[in-house]
Amino acid sequence: MTRPIRIGVQLQPQHADYAPIRRAVAEAEEAGVDIVFNWDHFVPLYGEADGKHFECWTMLGAWAAGRPGRRPAPRSV
């Protein structure tokens, strides 16, 4: 049995605003990525500890805004 290869990317929602992160999701989809992952950390993992950072659920909502037909969902590995 063969399965098609699926391509995924993980975006790190830290030290950025919603607009650039949403743009990165759109560009990844336009490039043919099958799935875009988020993470569930509550603080940035590098750079300034008190820098901008969006938790998982807020970021999934931002990704879905204005993107009809998309079904955001968390995924645990």
C-alpha atoms as a PDB file:
ATOM      1  CA  MET A   1       0.000   0.000   0.000  1.00  0.00           C
ATOM      2  CA  THR A   2       1.383   3.405  -0.926  1.00  0.00           C
ATOM      3  CA  ARG A   3       0.501   6.682   0.663  1.00  0.00           C
ATOM      4  CA  PRO A   4       1.026  10.143  -0.772  1.00  0.00           C
ATOM      5  CA  ILE A   5       3.682  12.284   0.828  1.00  0.00           C
ATOM      6  CA  ARG A   6       2.250  15.165   2.800  1.00  0.00           C
ATOM      7  CA  ILE A   7       4.259  18.291   3.504  1.00  0.00           C
ATOM      8  CA  GLY A   8       3.865  20.198   6.752  1.00  0.00           C
ATOM      9  CA  VAL A   9       5.439  23.256   8.310  1.00  0.00           C
ATOM     10  CA  GLN A  10       5.497  24.540  11.852  1.00  0.00           C
ATOM     11  CA  LEU A  11       5.229  28.252  12.489  1.00  0.00           C
ATOM     12  CA  GLN A  12       6.498  29.692  15.725  1.00  0.00           C
ATOM     13  CA  PRO A  13       4.130  32.451  16.885  1.00  0.00           C
ATOM     14  CA  GLN A  14       6.671  34.533  18.752  1.00  0.00           C
ATOM     15  CA  HIS A  15       8.072  38.026  18.303  1.00  0.00           C
ATOM     16  CA  ALA A  16       5.597  38.825  15.499  1.00  0.00           C
ATOM     17  CA  ASP A  17       2.174  40.320  14.903  1.00  0.00           C
ATOM     18  CA  TYR A  18      -0.902  38.523  13.593  1.00  0.00           C
ATOM     19  CA  ALA A  19      -0.657  39.888  10.053  1.00  0.00           C
ATOM     20  CA  PRO A  20       2.808  38.495   9.200  1.00  0.00           C
ATOM     21  CA  ILE A  21       1.993  35.144  10.784  1.00  0.00           C
ATOM     22  CA  ARG A  22      -1.294  34.891   8.866  1.00  0.00           C
ATOM     23  CA  ARG A  23       0.563  35.872   5.695  1.00  0.00           C
ATOM     24  CA  ALA A  24       3.091  33.081   6.326  1.00  0.00           C
ATOM     25  CA  VAL A  25       0.236  30.559   6.635  1.00  0.00           C
ATOM     26  CA  ALA A  26      -1.313  31.778   3.363  1.00  0.00           C
ATOM     27  CA  GLU A  27       2.046  31.652   1.568  1.00  0.00           C
ATOM     28  CA  ALA A  28       2.701  28.134   2.850  1.00  0.00           C
ATOM     29  CA  GLU A  29      -0.701  26.989   1.580  1.00  0.00           C
ATOM     30  CA  GLU A  30      -0.130  28.659  -1.781  1.00  0.00           C
ATOM     31  CA  ALA A  31       3.224  26.848  -2.023  1.00  0.00           C
ATOM     32  CA  GLY A  32       1.393  23.533  -1.645  1.00  0.00           C
ATOM     33  CA  VAL A  33       1.907  22.721   2.024  1.00  0.00           C
ATOM     34  CA  ASP A  34      -0.721  20.258   3.240  1.00  0.00           C
ATOM     35  CA  ILE A  35      -0.762  21.178   6.909  1.00  0.00           C
ATOM     36  CA  VAL A  36       0.504  24.031   9.061  1.00  0.00           C
ATOM     37  CA  PHE A  37       1.331  23.356  12.705  1.00  0.00           C
ATOM     38  CA  ASN A  38       1.363  25.677  15.685  1.00  0.00           C
ATOM     39  CA  TRP A  39       2.802  25.082  19.138  1.00  0.00           C
ATOM     40  CA  ASP A  40       1.423  25.360  22.631  1.00  0.00           C
ATOM     41  CA  HIS A  41       4.192  27.236  24.471  1.00  0.00           C
ATOM     42  CA  PHE A  42       3.069  30.205  26.527  1.00  0.00           C
ATOM     43  CA  VAL A  43       6.333  32.149  26.397  1.00  0.00           C
ATOM     44  CA  PRO A  44       8.876  32.706  23.627  1.00  0.00           C
ATOM     45  CA  LEU A  45      11.544  30.020  23.477  1.00  0.00           C
ATOM     46  CA  TYR A  46      14.251  32.398  22.315  1.00  0.00           C
ATOM     47  CA  GLY A  47      14.859  36.130  22.190  1.00  0.00           C
ATOM     48  CA  GLU A  48      13.346  38.447  24.763  1.00  0.00           C
ATOM     49  CA  ALA A  49      11.450  36.485  27.402  1.00  0.00           C
ATOM     50  CA  ASP A  50       8.711  39.117  27.561  1.00  0.00           C
ATOM     51  CA  GLY A  51       8.440  39.481  23.773  1.00  0.00           C
ATOM     52  CA  LYS A  52       5.246  39.093  21.789  1.00  0.00           C
ATOM     53  CA  HIS A  53       3.880  35.599  21.835  1.00  0.00           C
ATOM     54  CA  PHE A  54       0.489  34.113  21.018  1.00  0.00           C
ATOM     55  CA  GLU A  55      -0.775  30.930  22.583  1.00  0.00           C
ATOM     56  CA  CYS A  56      -2.132  28.104  20.462  1.00  0.00           C
ATOM     57  CA  TRP A  57      -5.884  28.766  20.510  1.00  0.00           C
ATOM     58  CA  THR A  58      -5.583  32.482  19.809  1.00  0.00           C
ATOM     59  CA  MET A  59      -3.235  31.798  16.909  1.00  0.00           C
ATOM     60  CA  LEU A  60      -5.501  29.107  15.414  1.00  0.00           C
ATOM     61  CA  GLY A  61      -8.368  31.604  15.476  1.00  0.00           C
ATOM     62  CA  ALA A  62      -6.216  34.225  13.758  1.00  0.00           C
ATOM     63  CA  TRP A  63      -5.171  31.694  11.080  1.00  0.00           C
ATOM     64  CA  ALA A  64      -8.795  30.800  10.368  1.00  0.00           C
ATOM     65  CA  ALA A  65     -10.036  34.393  10.131  1.00  0.00           C
ATOM     66  CA  GLY A  66     -10.843  35.276   6.547  1.00  0.00           C
ATOM     67  CA  ARG A  67      -9.948  31.771   5.283  1.00  0.00           C
ATOM     68  CA  PRO A  68     -13.234  30.026   4.425  1.00  0.00           C
ATOM     69  CA  GLY A  69     -13.041  26.271   4.196  1.00  0.00           C
ATOM     70  CA  ARG A  70     -10.127  25.974   6.628  1.00  0.00           C
ATOM     71  CA  ARG A  71     -10.585  23.886   9.735  1.00  0.00           C
ATOM     72  CA  PRO A  72      -8.095  24.860  12.413  1.00  0.00           C
ATOM     73  CA  ALA A  73      -7.466  22.237  15.046  1.00  0.00           C
ATOM     74  CA  PRO A  74      -4.780  21.545  17.616  1.00  0.00           C
ATOM     75  CA  ARG A  75      -2.628  18.469  17.250  1.00  0.00           C
ATOM     76  CA  SER A  76      -0.657  16.709  19.898  1.00  0.00           C
ATOM     77  CA  VAL A  77       2.291  14.596  18.881  1.00  0.00           C
END
